[in-house]
Amino acid sequence: MQSIMEWAEMGGYASFIWPCYILATVVLVAVLIQSLKAARDQETTLDSLKQAVRGQPQGETEREA
């Protein structure tokens, strides 16, 4: 148990190291959540674009200018 406490104290630098670990974890989780949300939004956009293309007559994939 003593060795675990020594490890957690990080040689006296625990007050600097642990907040950095916490901050890094919070940032990584925030990036993960934002990335998953963006991916879900892009999938929704892709699905709506696919439905729009299916609604066009065959051969017409671009609007004529």
C-alpha atoms as a PDB file:
ATOM      1  CA  MET A   1       0.000   0.000   0.000  1.00  0.00           C
ATOM      2  CA  GLN A   2       2.906   2.328   0.731  1.00  0.00           C
ATOM      3  CA  SER A   3       4.277   1.927  -2.791  1.00  0.00           C
ATOM      4  CA  ILE A   4       0.913   2.909  -4.264  1.00  0.00           C
ATOM      5  CA  MET A   5       0.900   6.101  -2.202  1.00  0.00           C
ATOM      6  CA  GLU A   6       4.465   6.877  -3.272  1.00  0.00           C
ATOM      7  CA  TRP A   7       3.480   6.353  -6.891  1.00  0.00           C
ATOM      8  CA  ALA A   8       0.390   8.573  -6.504  1.00  0.00           C
ATOM      9  CA  GLU A   9       2.510  11.332  -4.952  1.00  0.00           C
ATOM     10  CA  MET A  10       4.693  11.284  -8.090  1.00  0.00           C
ATOM     11  CA  GLY A  11       7.865  12.229  -6.257  1.00  0.00           C
ATOM     12  CA  GLY A  12       6.294  15.332  -4.746  1.00  0.00           C
ATOM     13  CA  TYR A  13       4.964  16.624  -8.055  1.00  0.00           C
ATOM     14  CA  ALA A  14       1.466  15.173  -7.715  1.00  0.00           C
ATOM     15  CA  SER A  15      -0.120  18.613  -7.349  1.00  0.00           C
ATOM     16  CA  PHE A  16       1.171  19.451 -10.844  1.00  0.00           C
ATOM     17  CA  ILE A  17       0.844  16.090 -12.575  1.00  0.00           C
ATOM     18  CA  TRP A  18      -2.672  14.967 -11.555  1.00  0.00           C
ATOM     19  CA  PRO A  19      -4.418  18.195 -12.639  1.00  0.00           C
ATOM     20  CA  CYS A  20      -2.677  17.858 -16.004  1.00  0.00           C
ATOM     21  CA  TYR A  21      -3.935  14.286 -16.333  1.00  0.00           C
ATOM     22  CA  ILE A  22      -7.445  15.428 -15.439  1.00  0.00           C
ATOM     23  CA  LEU A  23      -7.326  18.348 -17.874  1.00  0.00           C
ATOM     24  CA  ALA A  24      -6.009  16.143 -20.675  1.00  0.00           C
ATOM     25  CA  THR A  25      -8.746  13.584 -20.013  1.00  0.00           C
ATOM     26  CA  VAL A  26     -11.452  16.262 -20.052  1.00  0.00           C
ATOM     27  CA  VAL A  27     -10.127  17.699 -23.314  1.00  0.00           C
ATOM     28  CA  LEU A  28      -9.917  14.271 -24.962  1.00  0.00           C
ATOM     29  CA  VAL A  29     -13.444  13.366 -23.870  1.00  0.00           C
ATOM     30  CA  ALA A  30     -14.722  16.715 -25.186  1.00  0.00           C
ATOM     31  CA  VAL A  31     -13.011  16.115 -28.540  1.00  0.00           C
ATOM     32  CA  LEU A  32     -14.475  12.603 -28.678  1.00  0.00           C
ATOM     33  CA  ILE A  33     -17.995  13.869 -27.965  1.00  0.00           C
ATOM     34  CA  GLN A  34     -17.664  16.664 -30.522  1.00  0.00           C
ATOM     35  CA  SER A  35     -16.305  14.251 -33.142  1.00  0.00           C
ATOM     36  CA  LEU A  36     -19.126  11.765 -32.597  1.00  0.00           C
ATOM     37  CA  LYS A  37     -21.699  14.559 -32.847  1.00  0.00           C
ATOM     38  CA  ALA A  38     -20.111  15.882 -36.047  1.00  0.00           C
ATOM     39  CA  ALA A  39     -20.029  12.382 -37.543  1.00  0.00           C
ATOM     40  CA  ARG A  40     -23.701  11.878 -36.712  1.00  0.00           C
ATOM     41  CA  ASP A  41     -24.566  15.246 -38.293  1.00  0.00           C
ATOM     42  CA  GLN A  42     -22.578  14.367 -41.416  1.00  0.00           C
ATOM     43  CA  GLU A  43     -24.346  11.012 -41.695  1.00  0.00           C
ATOM     44  CA  THR A  44     -27.681  12.820 -41.506  1.00  0.00           C
ATOM     45  CA  THR A  45     -26.568  15.224 -44.237  1.00  0.00           C
ATOM     46  CA  LEU A  46     -25.324  12.348 -46.387  1.00  0.00           C
ATOM     47  CA  ASP A  47     -28.613  10.477 -45.990  1.00  0.00           C
ATOM     48  CA  SER A  48     -30.613  13.542 -47.015  1.00  0.00           C
ATOM     49  CA  LEU A  49     -28.361  14.069 -50.046  1.00  0.00           C
ATOM     50  CA  LYS A  50     -28.756  10.425 -51.054  1.00  0.00           C
ATOM     51  CA  GLN A  51     -32.530  10.769 -50.822  1.00  0.00           C
ATOM     52  CA  ALA A  52     -32.408  13.942 -52.918  1.00  0.00           C
ATOM     53  CA  VAL A  53     -30.361  12.182 -55.608  1.00  0.00           C
ATOM     54  CA  ARG A  54     -32.767   9.229 -55.645  1.00  0.00           C
ATOM     55  CA  GLY A  55     -35.627  11.642 -56.266  1.00  0.00           C
ATOM     56  CA  GLN A  56     -34.085  12.930 -59.498  1.00  0.00           C
ATOM     57  CA  PRO A  57     -34.696  11.216 -62.833  1.00  0.00           C
ATOM     58  CA  GLN A  58     -31.993   8.718 -63.764  1.00  0.00           C
ATOM     59  CA  GLY A  59     -28.947  10.316 -65.369  1.00  0.00           C
ATOM     60  CA  GLU A  60     -29.530  13.733 -63.834  1.00  0.00           C
ATOM     61  CA  THR A  61     -27.029  14.018 -61.024  1.00  0.00           C
ATOM     62  CA  GLU A  62     -26.080  17.669 -61.500  1.00  0.00           C
ATOM     63  CA  ARG A  63     -28.205  20.704 -62.119  1.00  0.00           C
ATOM     64  CA  GLU A  64     -27.875  22.163 -65.565  1.00  0.00           C
ATOM     65  CA  ALA A  65     -26.847  25.824 -65.640  1.00  0.00           C
END
